[in-house]
Amino acid sequence: MRDNTVDLGVVQIHKKVIGDIAAAAIKEIPGVSLATCGIVGSIAEAFGYKNYPAVTVSVDKDTQVSVEIRVIIYYGMNIPQVARQIQDVIARAVTDAVDINLKEINVNIQAVERPNS
């Protein structure tokens, strides 16, 4: 039996794509938002550019991918529980979208804020 497959080339996924997926996944979690990095990010978003300085994606020498995400959570939430939820949501979103397993997902809580009433 002959092999009828054809090699169509290589698919490369930029680190920014993984960062965009992680940033979008955070929106699923109530009481959590990305840490903002000043007015430059706000201006870029106003013109339609996606700019997530609160998400850092790195690839090590063994081509394993890690994500660091800086977030703000609402006062009164269980921080360790929310951090684990953030890790789970990001891992699931990245696996579903680009079919890679992340080496690690580091969650950095930048601030705790009271929700606007």
N, C-alpha and C. Protein backbone atom coordinates (compact mmCIF):
# COMPACT_ATOMS: atom_id res chain seq x y z
N MET A 1 0.84 -1.18 0.00
CA MET A 1 0.00 0.00 0.00
C MET A 1 0.88 1.25 0.00
N ARG A 2 0.55 2.19 -0.84
CA ARG A 2 1.36 3.41 -0.96
C ARG A 2 0.88 4.46 0.02
N ASP A 3 1.81 5.28 0.44
CA ASP A 3 1.49 6.40 1.32
C ASP A 3 0.99 7.56 0.46
N ASN A 4 -0.24 7.99 0.68
CA ASN A 4 -0.84 9.05 -0.13
C ASN A 4 -0.79 10.41 0.54
N THR A 5 0.12 10.61 1.50
CA THR A 5 0.20 11.91 2.17
C THR A 5 1.19 12.81 1.43
N VAL A 6 0.94 14.08 1.54
CA VAL A 6 1.80 15.08 0.92
C VAL A 6 2.24 16.05 2.00
N ASP A 7 3.53 16.32 2.06
CA ASP A 7 4.06 17.27 3.02
C ASP A 7 3.84 18.67 2.47
N LEU A 8 3.05 19.46 3.18
CA LEU A 8 2.71 20.80 2.70
C LEU A 8 3.57 21.89 3.33
N GLY A 9 4.48 21.52 4.20
CA GLY A 9 5.35 22.52 4.80
C GLY A 9 5.24 22.57 6.31
N VAL A 10 5.70 23.66 6.87
CA VAL A 10 5.79 23.83 8.32
C VAL A 10 4.80 24.90 8.77
N VAL A 11 4.20 24.67 9.92
CA VAL A 11 3.34 25.69 10.53
C VAL A 11 4.09 26.27 11.72
N GLN A 12 4.24 27.57 11.72
CA GLN A 12 4.90 28.25 12.83
C GLN A 12 3.89 29.17 13.50
N ILE A 13 3.90 29.18 14.81
CA ILE A 13 2.99 30.02 15.58
C ILE A 13 3.82 31.02 16.37
N HIS A 14 3.58 32.29 16.15
CA HIS A 14 4.34 33.34 16.83
C HIS A 14 3.97 33.38 18.31
N LYS A 15 4.92 33.76 19.14
CA LYS A 15 4.68 33.87 20.58
C LYS A 15 3.53 34.83 20.88
N LYS A 16 3.37 35.85 20.07
CA LYS A 16 2.31 36.83 20.29
C LYS A 16 0.93 36.18 20.19
N VAL A 17 0.79 35.19 19.32
CA VAL A 17 -0.48 34.49 19.17
C VAL A 17 -0.83 33.77 20.47
N ILE A 18 0.14 33.11 21.06
CA ILE A 18 -0.09 32.41 22.33
C ILE A 18 -0.44 33.42 23.42
N GLY A 19 0.23 34.58 23.41
CA GLY A 19 -0.09 35.64 24.36
C GLY A 19 -1.50 36.17 24.18
N ASP A 20 -1.92 36.32 22.92
CA ASP A 20 -3.28 36.79 22.64
C ASP A 20 -4.32 35.79 23.14
N ILE A 21 -4.04 34.51 22.95
CA ILE A 21 -4.96 33.46 23.42
C ILE A 21 -5.06 33.50 24.94
N ALA A 22 -3.93 33.63 25.62
CA ALA A 22 -3.92 33.68 27.09
C ALA A 22 -4.68 34.91 27.59
N ALA A 23 -4.48 36.06 26.94
CA ALA A 23 -5.18 37.28 27.35
C ALA A 23 -6.68 37.15 27.15
N ALA A 24 -7.09 36.55 26.05
CA ALA A 24 -8.52 36.36 25.79
C ALA A 24 -9.13 35.38 26.79
N ALA A 25 -8.38 34.36 27.18
CA ALA A 25 -8.89 33.36 28.11
C ALA A 25 -9.18 33.97 29.49
N ILE A 26 -8.40 34.96 29.88
CA ILE A 26 -8.58 35.61 31.19
C ILE A 26 -9.97 36.25 31.30
N LYS A 27 -10.50 36.70 30.18
CA LYS A 27 -11.81 37.37 30.18
C LYS A 27 -12.93 36.44 30.61
N GLU A 28 -12.70 35.12 30.59
CA GLU A 28 -13.71 34.16 31.02
C GLU A 28 -13.86 34.10 32.54
N ILE A 29 -12.89 34.64 33.26
CA ILE A 29 -12.88 34.50 34.72
C ILE A 29 -13.42 35.79 35.35
N PRO A 30 -14.55 35.72 36.06
CA PRO A 30 -15.09 36.92 36.69
C PRO A 30 -14.19 37.40 37.81
N GLY A 31 -14.03 38.72 37.89
CA GLY A 31 -13.24 39.31 38.96
C GLY A 31 -11.76 39.35 38.69
N VAL A 32 -11.35 39.05 37.46
CA VAL A 32 -9.94 39.04 37.09
C VAL A 32 -9.76 39.88 35.83
N SER A 33 -8.71 40.71 35.81
CA SER A 33 -8.39 41.45 34.60
C SER A 33 -6.88 41.53 34.45
N LEU A 34 -6.46 41.77 33.23
CA LEU A 34 -5.03 41.94 32.98
C LEU A 34 -4.54 43.22 33.63
N ALA A 35 -3.34 43.19 34.15
CA ALA A 35 -2.73 44.40 34.69
C ALA A 35 -2.45 45.34 33.52
N THR A 36 -2.76 46.60 33.69
CA THR A 36 -2.54 47.56 32.62
C THR A 36 -1.15 48.18 32.76
N CYS A 37 -0.64 48.60 31.64
CA CYS A 37 0.71 49.19 31.63
C CYS A 37 0.67 50.58 31.03
N GLY A 38 -0.10 51.44 31.62
CA GLY A 38 -0.08 52.85 31.25
C GLY A 38 -0.92 53.23 30.06
N ILE A 39 -0.74 54.47 29.65
CA ILE A 39 -1.57 55.07 28.62
C ILE A 39 -1.21 54.58 27.22
N VAL A 40 0.03 54.15 27.00
CA VAL A 40 0.43 53.70 25.66
C VAL A 40 -0.40 52.50 25.24
N GLY A 41 -0.62 51.54 26.14
CA GLY A 41 -1.45 50.38 25.83
C GLY A 41 -2.88 50.78 25.54
N SER A 42 -3.40 51.75 26.27
CA SER A 42 -4.76 52.22 26.05
C SER A 42 -4.91 52.89 24.70
N ILE A 43 -3.93 53.68 24.30
CA ILE A 43 -3.97 54.35 23.00
C ILE A 43 -3.89 53.33 21.88
N ALA A 44 -3.02 52.34 22.02
CA ALA A 44 -2.87 51.31 20.99
C ALA A 44 -4.18 50.54 20.83
N GLU A 45 -4.83 50.20 21.94
CA GLU A 45 -6.09 49.46 21.87
C GLU A 45 -7.19 50.32 21.24
N ALA A 46 -7.16 51.64 21.48
CA ALA A 46 -8.16 52.53 20.90
C ALA A 46 -8.08 52.53 19.38
N PHE A 47 -6.87 52.31 18.84
CA PHE A 47 -6.69 52.26 17.39
C PHE A 47 -6.78 50.84 16.82
N GLY A 48 -7.20 49.90 17.66
CA GLY A 48 -7.42 48.55 17.19
C GLY A 48 -6.25 47.60 17.31
N TYR A 49 -5.15 48.06 17.90
CA TYR A 49 -4.00 47.18 18.06
C TYR A 49 -4.13 46.40 19.36
N LYS A 50 -3.86 45.11 19.28
CA LYS A 50 -3.86 44.30 20.49
C LYS A 50 -2.48 44.42 21.12
N ASN A 51 -2.47 44.90 22.33
CA ASN A 51 -1.21 45.09 23.03
C ASN A 51 -1.40 44.56 24.45
N TYR A 52 -0.73 43.46 24.76
CA TYR A 52 -0.87 42.85 26.07
C TYR A 52 0.48 42.80 26.78
N PRO A 53 0.94 43.93 27.30
CA PRO A 53 2.23 43.91 28.01
C PRO A 53 2.17 43.10 29.30
N ALA A 54 0.99 42.73 29.75
CA ALA A 54 0.85 41.94 30.97
C ALA A 54 1.03 40.44 30.70
N VAL A 55 1.27 40.08 29.45
CA VAL A 55 1.47 38.67 29.10
C VAL A 55 2.84 38.53 28.44
N THR A 56 3.65 37.63 28.99
CA THR A 56 4.97 37.36 28.43
C THR A 56 5.04 35.88 28.07
N VAL A 57 5.41 35.62 26.84
CA VAL A 57 5.56 34.24 26.38
C VAL A 57 7.03 34.02 26.05
N SER A 58 7.60 32.94 26.59
CA SER A 58 9.00 32.64 26.31
C SER A 58 9.15 31.19 25.86
N VAL A 59 10.17 30.97 25.04
CA VAL A 59 10.48 29.63 24.55
C VAL A 59 11.91 29.32 24.98
N ASP A 60 12.09 28.20 25.69
CA ASP A 60 13.43 27.87 26.17
C ASP A 60 14.21 27.10 25.11
N LYS A 61 15.44 26.72 25.44
CA LYS A 61 16.33 26.06 24.47
C LYS A 61 15.78 24.71 24.01
N ASP A 62 14.91 24.09 24.79
CA ASP A 62 14.30 22.82 24.41
C ASP A 62 12.97 23.02 23.69
N THR A 63 12.70 24.25 23.27
CA THR A 63 11.46 24.68 22.58
C THR A 63 10.21 24.43 23.41
N GLN A 64 10.34 24.48 24.72
CA GLN A 64 9.16 24.41 25.59
C GLN A 64 8.69 25.83 25.86
N VAL A 65 7.38 26.01 25.82
CA VAL A 65 6.77 27.33 25.92
C VAL A 65 6.26 27.58 27.34
N SER A 66 6.56 28.79 27.85
CA SER A 66 6.08 29.22 29.17
C SER A 66 5.34 30.54 29.01
N VAL A 67 4.36 30.74 29.88
CA VAL A 67 3.60 31.98 29.88
C VAL A 67 3.66 32.60 31.26
N GLU A 68 3.91 33.90 31.31
CA GLU A 68 3.78 34.65 32.55
C GLU A 68 2.69 35.69 32.33
N ILE A 69 1.76 35.75 33.27
CA ILE A 69 0.64 36.68 33.12
C ILE A 69 0.49 37.48 34.41
N ARG A 70 0.35 38.78 34.25
CA ARG A 70 0.18 39.69 35.39
C ARG A 70 -1.27 40.15 35.42
N VAL A 71 -1.92 39.93 36.57
CA VAL A 71 -3.35 40.21 36.67
C VAL A 71 -3.68 41.02 37.90
N ILE A 72 -4.90 41.56 37.87
CA ILE A 72 -5.50 42.24 39.01
C ILE A 72 -6.76 41.46 39.35
N ILE A 73 -6.98 41.20 40.64
CA ILE A 73 -8.20 40.49 41.04
C ILE A 73 -8.98 41.33 42.03
N TYR A 74 -10.26 41.01 42.14
CA TYR A 74 -11.13 41.73 43.06
C TYR A 74 -10.84 41.33 44.50
N TYR A 75 -10.99 42.30 45.38
CA TYR A 75 -10.86 42.08 46.81
C TYR A 75 -11.90 41.06 47.27
N GLY A 76 -11.49 40.17 48.15
CA GLY A 76 -12.39 39.18 48.72
C GLY A 76 -12.33 37.83 48.03
N MET A 77 -11.63 37.74 46.90
CA MET A 77 -11.52 36.47 46.20
C MET A 77 -10.37 35.66 46.81
N ASN A 78 -10.47 34.35 46.73
CA ASN A 78 -9.43 33.46 47.23
C ASN A 78 -8.30 33.45 46.20
N ILE A 79 -7.19 34.11 46.53
CA ILE A 79 -6.11 34.32 45.57
C ILE A 79 -5.52 33.00 45.04
N PRO A 80 -5.14 32.04 45.90
CA PRO A 80 -4.59 30.79 45.35
C PRO A 80 -5.57 30.05 44.44
N GLN A 81 -6.85 30.05 44.82
CA GLN A 81 -7.86 29.37 44.01
C GLN A 81 -8.02 30.06 42.65
N VAL A 82 -8.05 31.38 42.66
CA VAL A 82 -8.18 32.13 41.40
C VAL A 82 -6.95 31.93 40.53
N ALA A 83 -5.77 31.91 41.13
CA ALA A 83 -4.54 31.70 40.36
C ALA A 83 -4.54 30.33 39.69
N ARG A 84 -4.99 29.31 40.39
CA ARG A 84 -5.09 27.96 39.78
C ARG A 84 -6.11 27.96 38.65
N GLN A 85 -7.21 28.68 38.84
CA GLN A 85 -8.23 28.76 37.80
C GLN A 85 -7.66 29.45 36.55
N ILE A 86 -6.88 30.50 36.76
CA ILE A 86 -6.23 31.20 35.65
C ILE A 86 -5.32 30.24 34.89
N GLN A 87 -4.52 29.47 35.62
CA GLN A 87 -3.63 28.50 34.98
C GLN A 87 -4.42 27.47 34.17
N ASP A 88 -5.49 26.96 34.74
CA ASP A 88 -6.31 25.95 34.06
C ASP A 88 -6.95 26.51 32.79
N VAL A 89 -7.50 27.71 32.88
CA VAL A 89 -8.19 28.31 31.73
C VAL A 89 -7.19 28.58 30.60
N ILE A 90 -6.02 29.11 30.94
CA ILE A 90 -5.01 29.39 29.92
C ILE A 90 -4.51 28.09 29.28
N ALA A 91 -4.22 27.09 30.11
CA ALA A 91 -3.73 25.81 29.58
C ALA A 91 -4.74 25.20 28.61
N ARG A 92 -6.01 25.22 28.99
CA ARG A 92 -7.05 24.65 28.14
C ARG A 92 -7.19 25.44 26.84
N ALA A 93 -7.18 26.76 26.93
CA ALA A 93 -7.34 27.60 25.74
C ALA A 93 -6.19 27.41 24.76
N VAL A 94 -4.96 27.38 25.26
CA VAL A 94 -3.80 27.22 24.38
C VAL A 94 -3.79 25.82 23.77
N THR A 95 -4.08 24.81 24.57
CA THR A 95 -4.11 23.44 24.05
C THR A 95 -5.17 23.30 22.97
N ASP A 96 -6.35 23.85 23.20
CA ASP A 96 -7.44 23.76 22.22
C ASP A 96 -7.12 24.51 20.93
N ALA A 97 -6.48 25.68 21.05
CA ALA A 97 -6.27 26.54 19.88
C ALA A 97 -5.05 26.14 19.05
N VAL A 98 -3.94 25.82 19.71
CA VAL A 98 -2.70 25.59 18.95
C VAL A 98 -2.08 24.23 19.20
N ASP A 99 -2.73 23.41 20.01
CA ASP A 99 -2.30 22.03 20.24
C ASP A 99 -0.87 21.91 20.76
N ILE A 100 -0.53 22.75 21.73
CA ILE A 100 0.75 22.59 22.42
C ILE A 100 0.48 22.59 23.92
N ASN A 101 1.32 21.88 24.63
CA ASN A 101 1.25 21.87 26.09
C ASN A 101 2.29 22.84 26.62
N LEU A 102 1.85 23.73 27.48
CA LEU A 102 2.76 24.71 28.05
C LEU A 102 3.61 24.08 29.15
N LYS A 103 4.86 24.50 29.21
CA LYS A 103 5.77 24.03 30.26
C LYS A 103 5.30 24.54 31.61
N GLU A 104 5.01 25.84 31.67
CA GLU A 104 4.54 26.43 32.91
C GLU A 104 3.72 27.69 32.61
N ILE A 105 2.83 27.98 33.55
CA ILE A 105 2.02 29.20 33.48
C ILE A 105 2.19 29.88 34.83
N ASN A 106 2.92 30.99 34.83
CA ASN A 106 3.18 31.72 36.06
C ASN A 106 2.20 32.88 36.17
N VAL A 107 1.49 32.92 37.28
CA VAL A 107 0.50 33.97 37.52
C VAL A 107 1.08 34.93 38.55
N ASN A 108 1.14 36.20 38.18
CA ASN A 108 1.67 37.23 39.05
C ASN A 108 0.52 38.18 39.39
N ILE A 109 0.08 38.14 40.66
CA ILE A 109 -1.00 39.03 41.09
C ILE A 109 -0.39 40.40 41.35
N GLN A 110 -0.74 41.38 40.53
CA GLN A 110 -0.17 42.73 40.61
C GLN A 110 -0.89 43.61 41.63
N ALA A 111 -2.20 43.37 41.79
CA ALA A 111 -2.97 44.22 42.69
C ALA A 111 -4.28 43.53 43.04
N VAL A 112 -4.84 43.98 44.14
CA VAL A 112 -6.18 43.57 44.56
C VAL A 112 -7.01 44.84 44.62
N GLU A 113 -8.13 44.86 43.88
CA GLU A 113 -8.96 46.06 43.82
C GLU A 113 -10.38 45.74 44.22
N ARG A 114 -11.05 46.73 44.73
CA ARG A 114 -12.48 46.60 45.00
C ARG A 114 -13.24 46.80 43.71
N PRO A 115 -14.26 45.95 43.47
CA PRO A 115 -15.05 46.12 42.25
C PRO A 115 -15.81 47.43 42.29
N ASN A 116 -16.00 48.02 41.11
CA ASN A 116 -16.78 49.26 41.03
C ASN A 116 -18.23 48.96 41.30
N SER A 117 -18.83 49.69 42.20
CA SER A 117 -20.24 49.46 42.55
C SER A 117 -21.16 50.35 41.76
